[in-house]
Amino acid sequence: MSGARRDAFVVFAKAPRPGAVKTRMTPALRPEAAADFYRCMLEDVLEATAGFARALGAEPVLAVHPPDAVRELAGLAPADFRIVAQRGPDLGRRMEWAVAEAAAGGARAVVLRGSDSPALGASAFPAALGALDEADLALSPDRDGGYNLVALRRPAPGLFDHPMSTAAVLDDTRDRARGLGLRVRTLAPSFDLDTLADLELLAEARRADPRLPCPRTLAWLDQRDLWKLALV
């Protein structure tokens, strides 16, 4: 990174391989269909994040898991992205590494987002960066007790040193942050698409805003008439 220091927007993503993604949507969706759905979400998230980064002068980064999928996912990402392999034995360590890697490259602030929240809008990013004017950590809660966006002013070793992907992960991260002396801000909530029931949340969001930044995701569901699965 050259010139003035920029913020980094890091997308955490998995390779869209059958049996490795959206497993909570199977067996109602076959593993191949679940992987195809995830690929649509990922492509939407990458395109939207690239646009958000350009608008705010940030660097978009794609953090890939597993490491052997770097070339595979690089083919899905807009040219703006810098591609890195995630490093660490578990999700928490990989998140900590991603923050440290971006900061070492000169990022002023680091925003991590998942690839399961394609409806997350442009306003989330300036809100996260704005929160860091007065806080060290900002979190956008997910409805399942986790979060889909985390912003940090600087690396915070140990912040994610607790069980991840649980219903208590938001509270656990806030508790760890306070134990580390970090000031915490909670942002507006959003939602991940982890289960078929979550499709109803996406349908509600679409009714409220037909311009959601996830056209591939919506088209994939429309073409297969899968909205009814939210009610099963």
C-alpha atoms as a PDB file:
ATOM      1  CA  MET A   1       0.000   0.000   0.000  1.00  0.00           C
ATOM      2  CA  SER A   2       1.474   3.331  -1.032  1.00  0.00           C
ATOM      3  CA  GLY A   3       0.668   6.953  -0.342  1.00  0.00           C
ATOM      4  CA  ALA A   4      -1.795   7.964   2.344  1.00  0.00           C
ATOM      5  CA  ARG A   5      -2.873   5.265   4.757  1.00  0.00           C
ATOM      6  CA  ARG A   6      -6.246   3.754   3.934  1.00  0.00           C
ATOM      7  CA  ASP A   7      -8.794   1.722   5.828  1.00  0.00           C
ATOM      8  CA  ALA A   8      -9.081  -1.960   4.907  1.00  0.00           C
ATOM      9  CA  PHE A   9     -12.377  -3.745   4.240  1.00  0.00           C
ATOM     10  CA  VAL A  10     -11.744  -7.478   4.624  1.00  0.00           C
ATOM     11  CA  VAL A  11     -14.235 -10.063   3.346  1.00  0.00           C
ATOM     12  CA  PHE A  12     -13.945 -13.481   5.016  1.00  0.00           C
ATOM     13  CA  ALA A  13     -14.934 -16.197   2.572  1.00  0.00           C
ATOM     14  CA  LYS A  14     -14.882 -19.937   2.054  1.00  0.00           C
ATOM     15  CA  ALA A  15     -14.520 -21.783  -1.202  1.00  0.00           C
ATOM     16  CA  PRO A  16     -18.047 -22.504  -2.529  1.00  0.00           C
ATOM     17  CA  ARG A  17     -17.646 -26.277  -2.441  1.00  0.00           C
ATOM     18  CA  PRO A  18     -20.464 -28.793  -1.881  1.00  0.00           C
ATOM     19  CA  GLY A  19     -20.563 -30.016   1.701  1.00  0.00           C
ATOM     20  CA  ALA A  20     -18.371 -27.160   2.973  1.00  0.00           C
ATOM     21  CA  VAL A  21     -20.802 -24.204   2.917  1.00  0.00           C
ATOM     22  CA  LYS A  22     -24.436 -23.568   3.908  1.00  0.00           C
ATOM     23  CA  THR A  23     -24.612 -26.994   5.529  1.00  0.00           C
ATOM     24  CA  ARG A  24     -27.486 -25.859   7.764  1.00  0.00           C
ATOM     25  CA  MET A  25     -29.599 -25.472   4.623  1.00  0.00           C
ATOM     26  CA  THR A  26     -29.202 -29.138   3.734  1.00  0.00           C
ATOM     27  CA  PRO A  27     -30.791 -31.611   3.171  1.00  0.00           C
ATOM     28  CA  ALA A  28     -33.649 -29.348   1.979  1.00  0.00           C
ATOM     29  CA  LEU A  29     -31.071 -28.052  -0.482  1.00  0.00           C
ATOM     30  CA  ARG A  30     -28.706 -30.560  -2.006  1.00  0.00           C
ATOM     31  CA  PRO A  31     -25.048 -29.822  -1.144  1.00  0.00           C
ATOM     32  CA  GLU A  32     -24.421 -28.765  -4.749  1.00  0.00           C
ATOM     33  CA  ALA A  33     -27.326 -26.310  -4.634  1.00  0.00           C
ATOM     34  CA  ALA A  34     -26.215 -24.955  -1.246  1.00  0.00           C
ATOM     35  CA  ALA A  35     -22.740 -24.328  -2.680  1.00  0.00           C
ATOM     36  CA  ASP A  36     -24.243 -22.604  -5.732  1.00  0.00           C
ATOM     37  CA  PHE A  37     -26.349 -20.398  -3.464  1.00  0.00           C
ATOM     38  CA  TYR A  38     -23.310 -19.483  -1.384  1.00  0.00           C
ATOM     39  CA  ARG A  39     -21.371 -18.624  -4.539  1.00  0.00           C
ATOM     40  CA  CYS A  40     -24.121 -16.158  -5.518  1.00  0.00           C
ATOM     41  CA  MET A  41     -23.997 -14.574  -2.057  1.00  0.00           C
ATOM     42  CA  LEU A  42     -20.215 -14.339  -2.188  1.00  0.00           C
ATOM     43  CA  GLU A  43     -20.183 -12.707  -5.606  1.00  0.00           C
ATOM     44  CA  ASP A  44     -22.749 -10.153  -4.393  1.00  0.00           C
ATOM     45  CA  VAL A  45     -20.749  -9.442  -1.244  1.00  0.00           C
ATOM     46  CA  LEU A  46     -17.531  -8.984  -3.206  1.00  0.00           C
ATOM     47  CA  GLU A  47     -19.079  -6.654  -5.772  1.00  0.00           C
ATOM     48  CA  ALA A  48     -20.843  -4.578  -3.110  1.00  0.00           C
ATOM     49  CA  THR A  49     -17.786  -4.360  -0.867  1.00  0.00           C
ATOM     50  CA  ALA A  50     -15.606  -3.265  -3.773  1.00  0.00           C
ATOM     51  CA  GLY A  51     -18.068  -0.448  -4.413  1.00  0.00           C
ATOM     52  CA  PHE A  52     -18.220   0.550  -0.761  1.00  0.00           C
ATOM     53  CA  ALA A  53     -14.419   0.566  -0.603  1.00  0.00           C
ATOM     54  CA  ARG A  54     -14.086   2.743  -3.704  1.00  0.00           C
ATOM     55  CA  ALA A  55     -16.617   5.223  -2.331  1.00  0.00           C
ATOM     56  CA  LEU A  56     -14.759   5.514   0.972  1.00  0.00           C
ATOM     57  CA  GLY A  57     -11.198   5.285  -0.347  1.00  0.00           C
ATOM     58  CA  ALA A  58     -10.558   1.961   1.407  1.00  0.00           C
ATOM     59  CA  GLU A  59      -8.643  -1.127   0.283  1.00  0.00           C
ATOM     60  CA  PRO A  60     -10.804  -4.219  -0.321  1.00  0.00           C
ATOM     61  CA  VAL A  61      -9.221  -7.481   0.821  1.00  0.00           C
ATOM     62  CA  LEU A  62     -10.494 -11.021   0.314  1.00  0.00           C
ATOM     63  CA  ALA A  63      -9.385 -13.465   3.025  1.00  0.00           C
ATOM     64  CA  VAL A  64      -9.792 -17.006   1.717  1.00  0.00           C
ATOM     65  CA  HIS A  65     -10.319 -20.354   3.451  1.00  0.00           C
ATOM     66  CA  PRO A  66      -8.987 -22.957   2.877  1.00  0.00           C
ATOM     67  CA  PRO A  67      -5.644 -21.601   1.650  1.00  0.00           C
ATOM     68  CA  ASP A  68      -5.620 -23.807  -1.447  1.00  0.00           C
ATOM     69  CA  ALA A  69      -8.689 -21.902  -2.704  1.00  0.00           C
ATOM     70  CA  VAL A  70      -6.883 -18.585  -3.252  1.00  0.00           C
ATOM     71  CA  ARG A  71      -6.748 -18.915  -7.041  1.00  0.00           C
ATOM     72  CA  GLU A  72     -10.311 -20.262  -7.169  1.00  0.00           C
ATOM     73  CA  LEU A  73     -11.756 -17.304  -5.264  1.00  0.00           C
ATOM     74  CA  ALA A  74      -9.512 -14.746  -6.932  1.00  0.00           C
ATOM     75  CA  GLY A  75     -11.430 -15.560 -10.095  1.00  0.00           C
ATOM     76  CA  LEU A  76     -14.657 -14.400  -8.429  1.00  0.00           C
ATOM     77  CA  ALA A  77     -13.336 -11.135  -6.987  1.00  0.00           C
ATOM     78  CA  PRO A  78     -13.341  -7.743  -8.722  1.00  0.00           C
ATOM     79  CA  ALA A  79      -9.894  -6.542  -9.734  1.00  0.00           C
ATOM     80  CA  ASP A  80      -9.816  -4.048  -6.845  1.00  0.00           C
ATOM     81  CA  PHE A  81      -9.307  -6.827  -4.305  1.00  0.00           C
ATOM     82  CA  ARG A  82      -6.068  -7.944  -2.735  1.00  0.00           C
ATOM     83  CA  ILE A  83      -6.323 -11.691  -2.075  1.00  0.00           C
ATOM     84  CA  VAL A  84      -4.825 -13.374   1.001  1.00  0.00           C
ATOM     85  CA  ALA A  85      -5.126 -16.834   2.513  1.00  0.00           C
ATOM     86  CA  GLN A  86      -6.537 -16.956   6.031  1.00  0.00           C
ATOM     87  CA  ARG A  87      -4.011 -18.164   8.601  1.00  0.00           C
ATOM     88  CA  GLY A  88      -4.710 -19.809  11.929  1.00  0.00           C
ATOM     89  CA  PRO A  89      -6.092 -23.016  13.431  1.00  0.00           C
ATOM     90  CA  ASP A  90      -9.602 -21.653  14.047  1.00  0.00           C
ATOM     91  CA  LEU A  91     -11.869 -18.786  13.033  1.00  0.00           C
ATOM     92  CA  GLY A  92     -10.920 -16.556  15.955  1.00  0.00           C
ATOM     93  CA  ARG A  93      -7.215 -16.858  15.223  1.00  0.00           C
ATOM     94  CA  ARG A  94      -7.801 -16.273  11.534  1.00  0.00           C
ATOM     95  CA  MET A  95      -9.755 -13.093  12.288  1.00  0.00           C
ATOM     96  CA  GLU A  96      -6.994 -11.884  14.602  1.00  0.00           C
ATOM     97  CA  TRP A  97      -4.407 -12.596  11.915  1.00  0.00           C
ATOM     98  CA  ALA A  98      -6.400 -10.728   9.258  1.00  0.00           C
ATOM     99  CA  VAL A  99      -6.587  -7.602  11.415  1.00  0.00           C
ATOM    100  CA  ALA A 100      -2.858  -7.758  12.182  1.00  0.00           C
ATOM    101  CA  GLU A 101      -1.989  -8.369   8.512  1.00  0.00           C
ATOM    102  CA  ALA A 102      -3.993  -5.376   7.306  1.00  0.00           C
ATOM    103  CA  ALA A 103      -2.630  -3.135  10.048  1.00  0.00           C
ATOM    104  CA  ALA A 104       0.931  -4.184   9.233  1.00  0.00           C
ATOM    105  CA  GLY A 105       0.265  -3.122   5.648  1.00  0.00           C
ATOM    106  CA  GLY A 106      -0.630   0.381   6.811  1.00  0.00           C
ATOM    107  CA  ALA A 107      -4.403   0.244   7.318  1.00  0.00           C
ATOM    108  CA  ARG A 108      -5.717   2.952   9.633  1.00  0.00           C
ATOM    109  CA  ALA A 109      -8.753   0.891  10.601  1.00  0.00           C
ATOM    110  CA  VAL A 110      -9.812  -2.636   9.678  1.00  0.00           C
ATOM    111  CA  VAL A 111     -13.384  -3.702   8.964  1.00  0.00           C
ATOM    112  CA  LEU A 112     -14.063  -7.435   8.755  1.00  0.00           C
ATOM    113  CA  ARG A 113     -17.277  -8.717   7.215  1.00  0.00           C
ATOM    114  CA  GLY A 114     -18.562 -12.192   6.522  1.00  0.00           C
ATOM    115  CA  SER A 115     -19.808 -13.509   3.193  1.00  0.00           C
ATOM    116  CA  ASP A 116     -23.154 -14.695   4.631  1.00  0.00           C
ATOM    117  CA  SER A 117     -24.749 -11.234   4.880  1.00  0.00           C
ATOM    118  CA  PRO A 118     -25.356 -10.080   1.293  1.00  0.00           C
ATOM    119  CA  ALA A 119     -28.055  -7.603   2.342  1.00  0.00           C
ATOM    120  CA  LEU A 120     -25.621  -5.577   4.457  1.00  0.00           C
ATOM    121  CA  GLY A 121     -25.865  -2.082   2.998  1.00  0.00           C
ATOM    122  CA  ALA A 122     -23.433   0.699   2.213  1.00  0.00           C
ATOM    123  CA  SER A 123     -24.351   2.669   5.351  1.00  0.00           C
ATOM    124  CA  ALA A 124     -22.821   0.001   7.596  1.00  0.00           C
ATOM    125  CA  PHE A 125     -19.285   0.905   6.574  1.00  0.00           C
ATOM    126  CA  PRO A 126     -19.212   4.667   7.261  1.00  0.00           C
ATOM    127  CA  ALA A 127     -21.155   3.936  10.449  1.00  0.00           C
ATOM    128  CA  ALA A 128     -18.463   1.482  11.550  1.00  0.00           C
ATOM    129  CA  LEU A 129     -15.636   3.863  10.720  1.00  0.00           C
ATOM    130  CA  GLY A 130     -17.454   6.732  12.394  1.00  0.00           C
ATOM    131  CA  ALA A 131     -17.904   4.680  15.550  1.00  0.00           C
ATOM    132  CA  LEU A 132     -14.131   4.256  15.708  1.00  0.00           C
ATOM    133  CA  ASP A 133     -13.756   8.007  16.207  1.00  0.00           C
ATOM    134  CA  GLU A 134     -14.752   7.393  19.813  1.00  0.00           C
ATOM    135  CA  ALA A 135     -14.367   3.624  20.238  1.00  0.00           C
ATOM    136  CA  ASP A 136     -11.748   0.957  19.625  1.00  0.00           C
ATOM    137  CA  LEU A 137     -14.169  -1.719  18.452  1.00  0.00           C
ATOM    138  CA  ALA A 138     -17.511  -1.602  16.640  1.00  0.00           C
ATOM    139  CA  LEU A 139     -19.790  -4.602  16.069  1.00  0.00           C
ATOM    140  CA  SER A 140     -22.910  -5.071  13.939  1.00  0.00           C
ATOM    141  CA  PRO A 141     -25.000  -7.765  15.661  1.00  0.00           C
ATOM    142  CA  ASP A 142     -26.555 -10.656  13.839  1.00  0.00           C
ATOM    143  CA  ARG A 143     -29.926 -11.980  14.995  1.00  0.00           C
ATOM    144  CA  ASP A 144     -28.462 -15.323  16.060  1.00  0.00           C
ATOM    145  CA  GLY A 145     -26.241 -13.849  18.776  1.00  0.00           C
ATOM    146  CA  GLY A 146     -23.208 -13.280  16.603  1.00  0.00           C
ATOM    147  CA  TYR A 147     -22.173 -10.412  14.354  1.00  0.00           C
ATOM    148  CA  ASN A 148     -21.626  -9.878  10.651  1.00  0.00           C
ATOM    149  CA  LEU A 149     -19.275  -6.893  10.777  1.00  0.00           C
ATOM    150  CA  VAL A 150     -16.479  -5.959  13.156  1.00  0.00           C
ATOM    151  CA  ALA A 151     -14.325  -2.837  12.955  1.00  0.00           C
ATOM    152  CA  LEU A 152     -11.106  -2.220  14.871  1.00  0.00           C
ATOM    153  CA  ARG A 153      -8.808   0.771  15.165  1.00  0.00           C
ATOM    154  CA  ARG A 154      -5.816  -1.483  15.762  1.00  0.00           C
ATOM    155  CA  PRO A 155      -4.987  -5.146  16.381  1.00  0.00           C
ATOM    156  CA  ALA A 156      -6.264  -6.501  19.688  1.00  0.00           C
ATOM    157  CA  PRO A 157      -4.525  -9.810  20.458  1.00  0.00           C
ATOM    158  CA  GLY A 158      -6.822 -12.110  22.419  1.00  0.00           C
ATOM    159  CA  LEU A 159     -10.050 -10.379  21.387  1.00  0.00           C
ATOM    160  CA  PHE A 160     -11.398 -13.456  19.604  1.00  0.00           C
ATOM    161  CA  ASP A 161      -9.939 -15.964  22.043  1.00  0.00           C
ATOM    162  CA  HIS A 162     -13.281 -17.592  22.839  1.00  0.00           C
ATOM    163  CA  PRO A 163     -15.635 -20.056  21.138  1.00  0.00           C
ATOM    164  CA  MET A 164     -16.906 -18.728  17.817  1.00  0.00           C
ATOM    165  CA  SER A 165     -20.109 -19.500  15.877  1.00  0.00           C
ATOM    166  CA  THR A 166     -22.173 -19.751  19.051  1.00  0.00           C
ATOM    167  CA  ALA A 167     -25.249 -17.903  20.262  1.00  0.00           C
ATOM    168  CA  ALA A 168     -23.047 -16.074  22.781  1.00  0.00           C
ATOM    169  CA  VAL A 169     -20.285 -14.915  20.466  1.00  0.00           C
ATOM    170  CA  LEU A 170     -21.368 -11.247  20.466  1.00  0.00           C
ATOM    171  CA  ASP A 171     -21.481 -11.097  24.259  1.00  0.00           C
ATOM    172  CA  ASP A 172     -18.233 -13.052  24.539  1.00  0.00           C
ATOM    173  CA  THR A 173     -16.434 -10.670  22.180  1.00  0.00           C
ATOM    174  CA  ARG A 174     -17.716  -7.619  24.030  1.00  0.00           C
ATOM    175  CA  ASP A 175     -16.640  -9.146  27.343  1.00  0.00           C
ATOM    176  CA  ARG A 176     -13.173  -9.915  25.958  1.00  0.00           C
ATOM    177  CA  ALA A 177     -12.936  -6.363  24.591  1.00  0.00           C
ATOM    178  CA  ARG A 178     -13.774  -4.790  27.923  1.00  0.00           C
ATOM    179  CA  GLY A 179     -11.280  -7.081  29.615  1.00  0.00           C
ATOM    180  CA  LEU A 180      -8.648  -5.754  27.217  1.00  0.00           C
ATOM    181  CA  GLY A 181      -9.608  -2.169  28.026  1.00  0.00           C
ATOM    182  CA  LEU A 182     -11.223  -1.510  24.645  1.00  0.00           C
ATOM    183  CA  ARG A 183     -14.092   0.895  24.173  1.00  0.00           C
ATOM    184  CA  VAL A 184     -16.963  -0.849  22.379  1.00  0.00           C
ATOM    185  CA  ARG A 185     -19.761   0.488  20.173  1.00  0.00           C
ATOM    186  CA  THR A 186     -22.701  -1.595  18.965  1.00  0.00           C
ATOM    187  CA  LEU A 187     -23.941  -0.733  15.486  1.00  0.00           C
ATOM    188  CA  ALA A 188     -27.313  -1.302  13.850  1.00  0.00           C
ATOM    189  CA  PRO A 189     -28.111  -5.018  13.555  1.00  0.00           C
ATOM    190  CA  SER A 190     -28.275  -6.963  10.330  1.00  0.00           C
ATOM    191  CA  PHE A 191     -28.633 -10.676   9.536  1.00  0.00           C
ATOM    192  CA  ASP A 192     -26.820 -13.635   8.027  1.00  0.00           C
ATOM    193  CA  LEU A 193     -28.388 -16.220   5.765  1.00  0.00           C
ATOM    194  CA  ASP A 194     -27.494 -19.372   7.658  1.00  0.00           C
ATOM    195  CA  THR A 195     -30.749 -21.318   7.691  1.00  0.00           C
ATOM    196  CA  LEU A 196     -33.758 -21.554   5.407  1.00  0.00           C
ATOM    197  CA  ALA A 197     -35.802 -19.625   7.982  1.00  0.00           C
ATOM    198  CA  ASP A 198     -33.449 -16.674   7.411  1.00  0.00           C
ATOM    199  CA  LEU A 199     -34.828 -16.313   3.891  1.00  0.00           C
ATOM    200  CA  GLU A 200     -37.851 -14.624   5.439  1.00  0.00           C
ATOM    201  CA  LEU A 201     -35.540 -11.926   6.816  1.00  0.00           C
ATOM    202  CA  LEU A 202     -34.205 -11.376   3.323  1.00  0.00           C
ATOM    203  CA  ALA A 203     -37.736 -11.204   1.921  1.00  0.00           C
ATOM    204  CA  GLU A 204     -38.660  -8.590   4.549  1.00  0.00           C
ATOM    205  CA  ALA A 205     -35.537  -6.567   3.733  1.00  0.00           C
ATOM    206  CA  ARG A 206     -36.369  -6.706   0.029  1.00  0.00           C
ATOM    207  CA  ARG A 207     -39.897  -5.429   0.667  1.00  0.00           C
ATOM    208  CA  ALA A 208     -38.424  -2.529   2.635  1.00  0.00           C
ATOM    209  CA  ASP A 209     -35.742  -1.785   0.033  1.00  0.00           C
ATOM    210  CA  PRO A 210     -36.009  -3.306  -3.465  1.00  0.00           C
ATOM    211  CA  ARG A 211     -32.456  -2.064  -4.202  1.00  0.00           C
ATOM    212  CA  LEU A 212     -30.659  -4.486  -1.904  1.00  0.00           C
ATOM    213  CA  PRO A 213     -27.016  -5.012  -2.939  1.00  0.00           C
ATOM    214  CA  CYS A 214     -27.486  -8.728  -3.666  1.00  0.00           C
ATOM    215  CA  PRO A 215     -29.065  -9.189  -7.121  1.00  0.00           C
ATOM    216  CA  ARG A 216     -27.514 -12.624  -7.764  1.00  0.00           C
ATOM    217  CA  THR A 217     -28.765 -13.981  -4.452  1.00  0.00           C
ATOM    218  CA  LEU A 218     -32.290 -12.718  -5.046  1.00  0.00           C
ATOM    219  CA  ALA A 219     -32.359 -13.929  -8.643  1.00  0.00           C
ATOM    220  CA  TRP A 220     -31.155 -17.401  -7.631  1.00  0.00           C
ATOM    221  CA  LEU A 221     -33.989 -17.713  -5.132  1.00  0.00           C
ATOM    222  CA  ASP A 222     -36.554 -16.237  -7.528  1.00  0.00           C
ATOM    223  CA  GLN A 223     -35.631 -18.550 -10.393  1.00  0.00           C
ATOM    224  CA  ARG A 224     -36.028 -21.624  -8.210  1.00  0.00           C
ATOM    225  CA  ASP A 225     -39.072 -20.367  -6.264  1.00  0.00           C
ATOM    226  CA  LEU A 226     -37.334 -21.182  -3.000  1.00  0.00           C
ATOM    227  CA  TRP A 227     -38.824 -18.463  -0.785  1.00  0.00           C
ATOM    228  CA  LYS A 228     -41.410 -20.956   0.419  1.00  0.00           C
ATOM    229  CA  LEU A 229     -38.620 -22.940   2.110  1.00  0.00           C
ATOM    230  CA  ALA A 230     -38.475 -20.217   4.767  1.00  0.00           C
ATOM    231  CA  LEU A 231     -41.842 -21.422   6.007  1.00  0.00           C
ATOM    232  CA  VAL A 232     -41.066 -25.144   6.117  1.00  0.00           C
END
